[in-house]
Amino acid sequence: MTAIIKNSIEEISEEHFLELSANVSSPFMHYQFLHALEKSKSACIENGWEPAHFTKTEKDKIIGFVPLYKKYNSSGEFVFDHSWAHALEQAGRKYYPKLLTAIPFTPCKGERIIGKDELARNELIHDIKKYMAVEGIESWHILYPDEETGSFLKNHDFIERLGCRFVWKNRNFSDFNNFLDIFTARQRKTIKAERKKIFNAKISFRIIEGSEITLNDWDIFYKLYSQTYMDRWQKPYLEKNFFKHIGSKTASCHPILFFAIQDNTVIGGSLCFKNDNTLFGRHWGSIKNIDCLHFEACYYQGIDYCISNNLDYFDPGIQGEHKIRRGFEPELSSSFHYFLKDDLGKAISDFCFKESKNILQYKKSCEEYTPIKKEYRIKS
């Protein structure tokens, strides 16, 4: 078996990659999604993302893959390590470039190291550690892996760092009103009032999925998406062509657009992706500032969709305690970190251990804050 670094996903045979990733559940760990990020220049060295994907080959066939980037900043990751970078720079050493295994701008849980067997995956880990030593790269970070990958990484001396996200769980609800039954009377009234504001504003929603999404639809959504960033005087993470590339290859990641329409004009919308059991909320935008439109487009429409399509979970993205009041419940998430030198590794390990106590207390506080009746809450 041979390890080969690929400086672009295009250097990998799409046919071989699809064969290797046939059982991958994450819609973001697929060739087409990674290709759209690179082809559109959303994830490129100019933005601090230099592809250095590690592959394992056998008889010219890929048997293992790790999405890997040399990162020259910590933008677009959603796991904040700026204090770590500052501490190492103060010690006269370089934190950047670091190695990052993640889906750019996509803090969703999923597979991160894929291989035909355990041996191939183990060798990929060892090969990347050797690469770090040769290149003098101090750290390697793996963000939002699934539970199986997390257990695997613990056996390879990675430090776990806890985080907290909010997810919605389908309890075989028959419709949205049935979902509202899990809340206290006061919160049921609040949610109904929020949705009524959208109804009174004469806003309706149009849902478009997969290959039904046209290039014009993607143009419309990009205007909404980019406006959200421009309102904050920021550059959008994703370039316009990303959406068009995704639009031409919808089968593996299955995008879904929720368009808010007022007076026959699209004024807002959200973009989700899905797999067999989960809806992933990713991006949103609006050209009008309408009270509760964000809640409707990003949360209630997605919940309604999950109920109608028998999806088990809705992961609307990280952060945001306001999600608790709308039926989302706290769930621990993890990132994993490996350090080339023991001094930094020991310091970060101690930090993560102390931080984890605060995260666990935060999760407990969120559980107590929820307006969901006790008998319906997710069991820890």
Protein backbone atom coordinates (compact mmCIF):
# COMPACT_ATOMS: atom_id res chain seq x y z
CA MET A 1 0.00 0.00 0.00
CA THR A 2 1.26 3.45 -0.95
CA ALA A 3 0.39 6.85 0.55
CA ILE A 4 -0.02 9.65 -1.99
CA ILE A 5 -0.78 13.33 -1.34
CA LYS A 6 -3.31 14.89 -3.71
CA ASN A 7 -3.24 18.68 -4.07
CA SER A 8 -6.73 18.67 -5.53
CA ILE A 9 -9.72 16.35 -5.32
CA GLU A 10 -9.62 16.36 -9.15
CA GLU A 11 -6.39 14.35 -8.97
CA ILE A 12 -8.42 11.46 -7.57
CA SER A 13 -10.43 9.18 -9.81
CA GLU A 14 -14.09 10.00 -9.20
CA GLU A 15 -15.06 6.43 -10.07
CA HIS A 16 -12.63 4.97 -7.53
CA PHE A 17 -13.63 7.52 -4.89
CA LEU A 18 -17.32 6.74 -5.31
CA GLU A 19 -16.58 3.05 -4.92
CA LEU A 20 -14.59 3.67 -1.72
CA SER A 21 -17.24 6.00 -0.25
CA ALA A 22 -20.27 3.89 -1.20
CA ASN A 23 -21.24 3.37 2.46
CA VAL A 24 -20.49 6.91 3.64
CA SER A 25 -23.60 8.51 5.14
CA SER A 26 -22.51 12.16 5.32
CA PRO A 27 -23.71 14.14 2.28
CA PHE A 28 -20.63 16.34 2.68
CA MET A 29 -17.99 13.59 2.57
CA HIS A 30 -18.69 12.89 -1.08
CA TYR A 31 -16.61 13.65 -4.13
CA GLN A 32 -19.09 16.10 -5.63
CA PHE A 33 -19.33 18.27 -2.50
CA LEU A 34 -15.57 18.45 -1.97
CA HIS A 35 -15.07 19.08 -5.68
CA ALA A 36 -17.57 21.96 -5.67
CA LEU A 37 -15.71 23.62 -2.78
CA GLU A 38 -12.37 23.46 -4.61
CA LYS A 39 -13.59 24.09 -8.16
CA SER A 40 -15.42 27.23 -7.09
CA LYS A 41 -12.32 28.52 -5.23
CA SER A 42 -14.28 28.57 -1.98
CA ALA A 43 -11.68 26.29 -0.38
CA CYS A 44 -8.34 27.30 -1.89
CA ILE A 45 -4.94 28.49 -0.74
CA GLU A 46 -5.93 32.12 -1.32
CA ASN A 47 -8.58 31.68 1.38
CA GLY A 48 -6.25 29.79 3.71
CA TRP A 49 -7.26 26.27 2.59
CA GLU A 50 -4.48 24.40 0.75
CA PRO A 51 -5.66 20.89 -0.24
CA ALA A 52 -3.25 18.11 0.73
CA HIS A 53 -5.58 15.12 0.71
CA PHE A 54 -4.00 11.84 1.81
CA THR A 55 -4.89 8.73 -0.14
CA LYS A 56 -3.86 5.12 0.23
CA THR A 57 -3.58 3.13 -2.98
CA GLU A 58 -3.19 -0.52 -3.84
CA LYS A 59 -2.67 -1.61 -7.44
CA ASP A 60 -3.55 1.93 -8.63
CA LYS A 61 -6.86 1.80 -6.77
CA ILE A 62 -7.77 4.06 -3.84
CA ILE A 63 -8.37 2.09 -0.66
CA GLY A 64 -8.21 4.97 1.83
CA PHE A 65 -8.88 8.70 1.96
CA VAL A 66 -8.55 11.57 4.44
CA PRO A 67 -9.68 15.09 3.46
CA LEU A 68 -6.72 17.17 4.56
CA TYR A 69 -5.92 20.86 4.26
CA LYS A 70 -2.93 22.93 5.21
CA LYS A 71 -4.60 25.81 7.01
CA TYR A 72 -3.06 29.25 7.24
CA ASN A 73 -5.80 30.67 9.47
CA SER A 74 -8.69 29.34 11.56
CA SER A 75 -11.50 30.82 9.48
CA GLY A 76 -14.51 28.72 8.50
CA GLU A 77 -13.91 25.97 11.07
CA PHE A 78 -16.30 26.79 13.96
CA VAL A 79 -13.94 25.21 16.51
CA PHE A 80 -12.04 28.11 17.98
CA ASP A 81 -8.32 27.67 18.60
CA HIS A 82 -7.09 31.26 18.37
CA SER A 83 -5.82 31.20 21.98
CA TRP A 84 -3.78 28.09 21.17
CA ALA A 85 -2.25 29.82 18.17
CA HIS A 86 -1.42 32.90 20.20
CA ALA A 87 0.23 30.85 22.97
CA LEU A 88 2.48 28.99 20.54
CA GLU A 89 3.43 32.18 18.66
CA GLN A 90 4.33 33.76 22.02
CA ALA A 91 6.67 30.81 22.60
CA GLY A 92 8.45 31.64 19.35
CA ARG A 93 7.01 28.74 17.35
CA LYS A 94 4.66 28.65 14.38
CA TYR A 95 1.07 27.46 14.79
CA TYR A 96 0.32 27.92 11.08
CA PRO A 97 0.22 26.16 8.78
CA LYS A 98 -1.64 23.49 10.69
CA LEU A 99 -3.26 20.36 9.29
CA LEU A 100 -7.05 20.19 9.26
CA THR A 101 -9.33 17.30 8.47
CA ALA A 102 -12.80 18.77 8.08
CA ILE A 103 -15.39 19.72 5.51
CA PRO A 104 -14.73 23.41 4.81
CA PHE A 105 -17.38 25.76 6.25
CA THR A 106 -19.52 22.74 7.21
CA PRO A 107 -19.62 21.96 10.95
CA CYS A 108 -21.71 18.80 10.57
CA LYS A 109 -20.93 15.42 12.08
CA GLY A 110 -19.82 12.64 9.75
CA GLU A 111 -17.10 10.30 8.60
CA ARG A 112 -13.60 11.78 8.33
CA ILE A 113 -11.27 8.85 7.62
CA ILE A 114 -12.48 6.25 5.14
CA GLY A 115 -10.75 3.06 4.11
CA LYS A 116 -11.47 -0.39 2.81
CA ASP A 117 -10.43 -1.84 6.20
CA GLU A 118 -8.92 -0.98 9.59
CA LEU A 119 -5.38 -1.51 8.34
CA ALA A 120 -5.74 1.13 5.63
CA ARG A 121 -7.16 3.65 8.10
CA ASN A 122 -4.42 2.98 10.66
CA GLU A 123 -1.72 3.44 8.04
CA LEU A 124 -3.25 6.73 6.90
CA ILE A 125 -2.97 8.05 10.47
CA HIS A 126 0.67 6.96 10.73
CA ASP A 127 1.52 8.40 7.31
CA ILE A 128 0.09 11.82 8.15
CA LYS A 129 1.97 11.90 11.46
CA LYS A 130 5.20 11.17 9.57
CA TYR A 131 4.33 13.96 7.13
CA MET A 132 3.92 16.36 10.08
CA ALA A 133 7.39 15.47 11.37
CA VAL A 134 9.01 15.94 7.96
CA GLU A 135 7.26 19.25 7.30
CA GLY A 136 7.62 20.53 10.86
CA ILE A 137 3.87 21.04 11.23
CA GLU A 138 2.95 21.29 14.90
CA SER A 139 -0.69 20.19 14.94
CA TRP A 140 -3.44 18.22 13.22
CA HIS A 141 -7.11 18.87 13.92
CA ILE A 142 -10.07 16.64 13.00
CA LEU A 143 -13.42 18.37 13.36
CA TYR A 144 -16.89 16.93 13.92
CA PRO A 145 -16.16 13.23 13.31
CA ASP A 146 -18.89 10.68 13.93
CA GLU A 147 -18.75 8.51 17.06
CA GLU A 148 -17.03 5.58 15.37
CA THR A 149 -14.26 7.81 14.02
CA GLY A 150 -13.92 9.49 17.42
CA SER A 151 -13.32 6.16 19.16
CA PHE A 152 -10.77 5.28 16.49
CA LEU A 153 -8.88 8.57 17.01
CA LYS A 154 -8.63 8.10 20.77
CA ASN A 155 -6.57 4.98 20.09
CA HIS A 156 -4.11 7.12 18.11
CA ASP A 157 -3.32 9.64 20.90
CA PHE A 158 -5.69 12.38 19.76
CA ILE A 159 -7.02 14.75 22.40
CA GLU A 160 -10.80 15.09 22.49
CA ARG A 161 -12.32 18.54 22.87
CA LEU A 162 -16.01 18.71 23.73
CA GLY A 163 -18.52 21.11 22.29
CA CYS A 164 -22.30 21.43 22.32
CA ARG A 165 -24.80 21.61 19.48
CA PHE A 166 -28.59 21.50 19.26
CA VAL A 167 -30.55 18.85 17.37
CA TRP A 168 -34.21 18.08 16.79
CA LYS A 169 -35.47 14.53 17.19
CA ASN A 170 -38.53 13.14 15.44
CA ARG A 171 -40.77 11.19 17.80
CA ASN A 172 -42.99 9.86 15.04
CA PHE A 173 -44.94 13.11 14.91
CA SER A 174 -47.96 13.04 12.63
CA ASP A 175 -47.79 16.78 11.85
CA PHE A 176 -46.49 20.08 13.22
CA ASN A 177 -49.35 20.45 15.68
CA ASN A 178 -48.53 17.03 17.06
CA PHE A 179 -44.93 18.23 17.51
CA LEU A 180 -46.20 21.24 19.48
CA ASP A 181 -47.76 18.87 22.03
CA ILE A 182 -44.31 18.23 23.55
CA PHE A 183 -44.07 21.86 24.75
CA THR A 184 -45.45 23.63 27.76
CA ALA A 185 -48.61 25.60 27.00
CA ARG A 186 -46.73 28.90 27.15
CA GLN A 187 -44.16 27.88 24.55
CA ARG A 188 -46.79 26.37 22.26
CA LYS A 189 -48.47 29.76 22.25
CA THR A 190 -45.14 31.50 21.50
CA ILE A 191 -44.33 29.29 18.50
CA LYS A 192 -47.83 29.65 17.09
CA ALA A 193 -47.50 33.42 17.42
CA GLU A 194 -44.15 33.38 15.57
CA ARG A 195 -45.59 31.38 12.71
CA LYS A 196 -48.70 33.58 12.58
CA LYS A 197 -46.48 36.62 11.93
CA ILE A 198 -45.28 34.95 8.75
CA PHE A 199 -48.84 34.07 7.75
CA ASN A 200 -50.03 37.64 8.41
CA ALA A 201 -47.17 38.98 6.26
CA LYS A 202 -48.62 36.87 3.44
CA ILE A 203 -45.44 34.82 3.09
CA SER A 204 -45.65 31.32 1.65
CA PHE A 205 -42.92 28.74 1.11
CA ARG A 206 -41.80 26.81 -1.94
CA ILE A 207 -39.62 23.71 -1.41
CA ILE A 208 -37.34 22.58 -4.24
CA GLU A 209 -35.17 19.46 -4.07
CA GLY A 210 -32.23 17.90 -5.87
CA SER A 211 -32.37 17.96 -9.65
CA GLU A 212 -35.53 20.11 -9.56
CA ILE A 213 -33.39 23.09 -8.51
CA THR A 214 -32.58 25.20 -11.57
CA LEU A 215 -29.58 27.45 -12.19
CA ASN A 216 -31.90 30.41 -11.76
CA ASP A 217 -32.93 29.08 -8.35
CA TRP A 218 -29.25 28.91 -7.35
CA ASP A 219 -28.74 32.49 -8.58
CA ILE A 220 -31.65 33.63 -6.44
CA PHE A 221 -30.36 31.80 -3.38
CA TYR A 222 -26.85 33.20 -3.77
CA LYS A 223 -28.23 36.73 -3.70
CA LEU A 224 -30.02 35.93 -0.44
CA TYR A 225 -26.99 34.16 1.04
CA SER A 226 -24.47 36.87 0.12
CA GLN A 227 -26.77 39.62 1.39
CA THR A 228 -26.59 38.11 4.89
CA TYR A 229 -22.81 38.51 4.86
CA MET A 230 -22.87 41.96 3.27
CA ASP A 231 -25.20 43.13 6.04
CA ARG A 232 -22.35 42.28 8.45
CA TRP A 233 -19.68 43.77 6.15
CA GLN A 234 -18.20 40.31 5.55
CA LYS A 235 -17.21 38.32 2.50
CA PRO A 236 -19.30 35.15 1.99
CA TYR A 237 -17.46 31.91 2.72
CA LEU A 238 -18.87 30.25 -0.39
CA GLU A 239 -18.38 31.57 -3.91
CA LYS A 240 -21.31 31.79 -6.31
CA ASN A 241 -20.01 28.95 -8.49
CA PHE A 242 -20.10 26.57 -5.52
CA PHE A 243 -23.89 26.48 -5.73
CA LYS A 244 -23.86 25.93 -9.47
CA HIS A 245 -21.40 23.04 -9.15
CA ILE A 246 -23.58 21.49 -6.45
CA GLY A 247 -26.60 22.02 -8.67
CA SER A 248 -25.09 19.92 -11.44
CA LYS A 249 -24.29 17.02 -9.07
CA THR A 250 -27.17 16.67 -6.65
CA ALA A 251 -27.53 12.91 -6.21
CA SER A 252 -24.98 12.34 -3.42
CA CYS A 253 -25.63 15.39 -1.20
CA HIS A 254 -29.31 16.07 -2.04
CA PRO A 255 -29.73 19.85 -1.55
CA ILE A 256 -33.10 21.30 -0.57
CA LEU A 257 -34.10 24.96 -0.94
CA PHE A 258 -36.83 26.51 1.20
CA PHE A 259 -37.85 29.75 -0.55
CA ALA A 260 -39.95 32.38 1.26
CA ILE A 261 -42.24 34.13 -1.22
CA GLN A 262 -44.06 37.42 -0.76
CA ASP A 263 -45.95 39.21 -3.54
CA ASN A 264 -44.66 36.60 -6.03
CA THR A 265 -41.05 37.45 -5.14
CA VAL A 266 -38.50 35.31 -3.29
CA ILE A 267 -37.49 37.42 -0.29
CA GLY A 268 -35.67 34.82 1.82
CA GLY A 269 -34.68 31.22 2.00
CA SER A 270 -32.60 28.48 3.54
CA LEU A 271 -30.46 25.70 2.09
CA CYS A 272 -30.38 22.24 3.63
CA PHE A 273 -28.88 18.89 2.68
CA LYS A 274 -30.00 15.44 3.73
CA ASN A 275 -29.10 11.79 3.97
CA ASP A 276 -31.31 8.81 4.76
CA ASN A 277 -32.25 9.93 8.27
CA THR A 278 -31.05 13.50 8.88
CA LEU A 279 -31.72 16.97 7.52
CA PHE A 280 -28.73 19.33 7.78
CA GLY A 281 -29.44 23.06 7.87
CA ARG A 282 -26.53 24.99 6.39
CA HIS A 283 -27.15 28.47 4.96
CA TRP A 284 -29.79 31.12 4.80
CA GLY A 285 -30.39 34.66 3.60
CA SER A 286 -33.00 37.37 3.19
CA ILE A 287 -33.43 40.67 1.38
CA LYS A 288 -36.11 41.85 3.82
CA ASN A 289 -35.94 42.22 7.58
CA ILE A 290 -39.15 40.48 8.65
CA ASP A 291 -39.75 39.45 12.25
CA CYS A 292 -39.53 35.65 12.74
CA LEU A 293 -38.66 34.91 9.10
CA HIS A 294 -35.34 33.38 10.18
CA PHE A 295 -37.09 31.06 12.63
CA GLU A 296 -39.60 29.97 10.00
CA ALA A 297 -37.12 29.47 7.15
CA CYS A 298 -34.35 27.84 9.16
CA TYR A 299 -36.23 25.86 11.82
CA TYR A 300 -39.97 25.41 11.41
CA GLN A 301 -39.91 24.64 7.69
CA GLY A 302 -37.17 22.07 8.30
CA ILE A 303 -39.08 20.45 11.15
CA ASP A 304 -42.20 20.29 8.99
CA TYR A 305 -40.14 18.71 6.21
CA CYS A 306 -38.66 16.07 8.56
CA ILE A 307 -42.10 15.12 9.83
CA SER A 308 -43.52 14.85 6.29
CA ASN A 309 -40.54 12.82 5.01
CA ASN A 310 -39.98 10.61 8.08
CA LEU A 311 -36.48 11.89 8.83
CA ASP A 312 -35.24 11.13 12.35
CA TYR A 313 -33.10 14.19 13.01
CA PHE A 314 -32.70 17.82 12.05
CA ASP A 315 -29.25 19.30 12.66
CA PRO A 316 -29.62 23.06 11.98
CA GLY A 317 -25.95 23.94 12.60
CA ILE A 318 -23.89 24.75 15.65
CA GLN A 319 -24.36 27.31 18.43
CA GLY A 320 -27.45 29.32 19.29
CA GLU A 321 -29.31 28.83 22.57
CA HIS A 322 -32.39 30.34 20.88
CA LYS A 323 -32.86 26.94 19.20
CA ILE A 324 -33.77 25.40 22.55
CA ARG A 325 -37.03 27.35 22.69
CA ARG A 326 -37.96 25.91 19.30
CA GLY A 327 -37.61 22.22 20.03
CA PHE A 328 -33.89 21.59 19.58
CA GLU A 329 -32.06 19.83 22.38
CA PRO A 330 -28.40 19.97 23.50
CA GLU A 331 -26.08 17.22 22.34
CA LEU A 332 -22.34 16.86 22.88
CA SER A 333 -20.07 17.15 19.85
CA SER A 334 -16.33 16.58 19.58
CA SER A 335 -13.21 17.63 17.78
CA PHE A 336 -9.89 15.78 18.02
CA HIS A 337 -6.39 17.22 18.12
CA TYR A 338 -2.90 15.77 17.74
CA PHE A 339 0.30 17.66 18.53
CA LEU A 340 3.75 16.85 17.26
CA LYS A 341 5.50 17.94 20.45
CA ASP A 342 4.60 16.79 23.95
CA ASP A 343 4.82 20.21 25.62
CA LEU A 344 2.03 21.71 23.53
CA GLY A 345 0.07 18.45 23.61
CA LYS A 346 0.18 18.31 27.41
CA ALA A 347 -0.92 21.95 27.74
CA ILE A 348 -3.85 21.48 25.34
CA SER A 349 -4.85 18.21 26.99
CA ASP A 350 -5.06 19.95 30.37
CA PHE A 351 -7.02 22.81 28.81
CA CYS A 352 -9.54 20.48 27.14
CA PHE A 353 -10.01 18.49 30.34
CA LYS A 354 -10.84 21.64 32.33
CA GLU A 355 -12.97 23.04 29.51
CA SER A 356 -14.99 19.82 29.30
CA LYS A 357 -16.32 20.39 32.81
CA ASN A 358 -17.72 23.74 31.69
CA ILE A 359 -19.22 22.20 28.55
CA LEU A 360 -20.95 19.49 30.56
CA GLN A 361 -22.34 22.09 32.96
CA TYR A 362 -23.49 24.21 30.02
CA LYS A 363 -25.30 21.22 28.51
CA LYS A 364 -26.99 20.54 31.85
CA SER A 365 -28.11 24.17 32.08
CA CYS A 366 -29.54 23.97 28.56
CA GLU A 367 -31.46 20.84 29.48
CA GLU A 368 -33.00 22.62 32.45
CA TYR A 369 -33.88 25.67 30.33
CA THR A 370 -35.83 23.74 27.69
CA PRO A 371 -39.60 24.29 27.48
CA ILE A 372 -40.09 20.67 26.37
CA LYS A 373 -42.00 18.55 28.85
CA LYS A 374 -39.75 16.17 30.81
CA GLU A 375 -41.24 13.00 29.36
CA TYR A 376 -40.27 14.08 25.84
CA ARG A 377 -36.68 15.19 26.43
CA ILE A 378 -33.67 13.43 24.88
CA LYS A 379 -32.15 11.14 27.48
CA SER A 380 -28.48 11.85 28.25
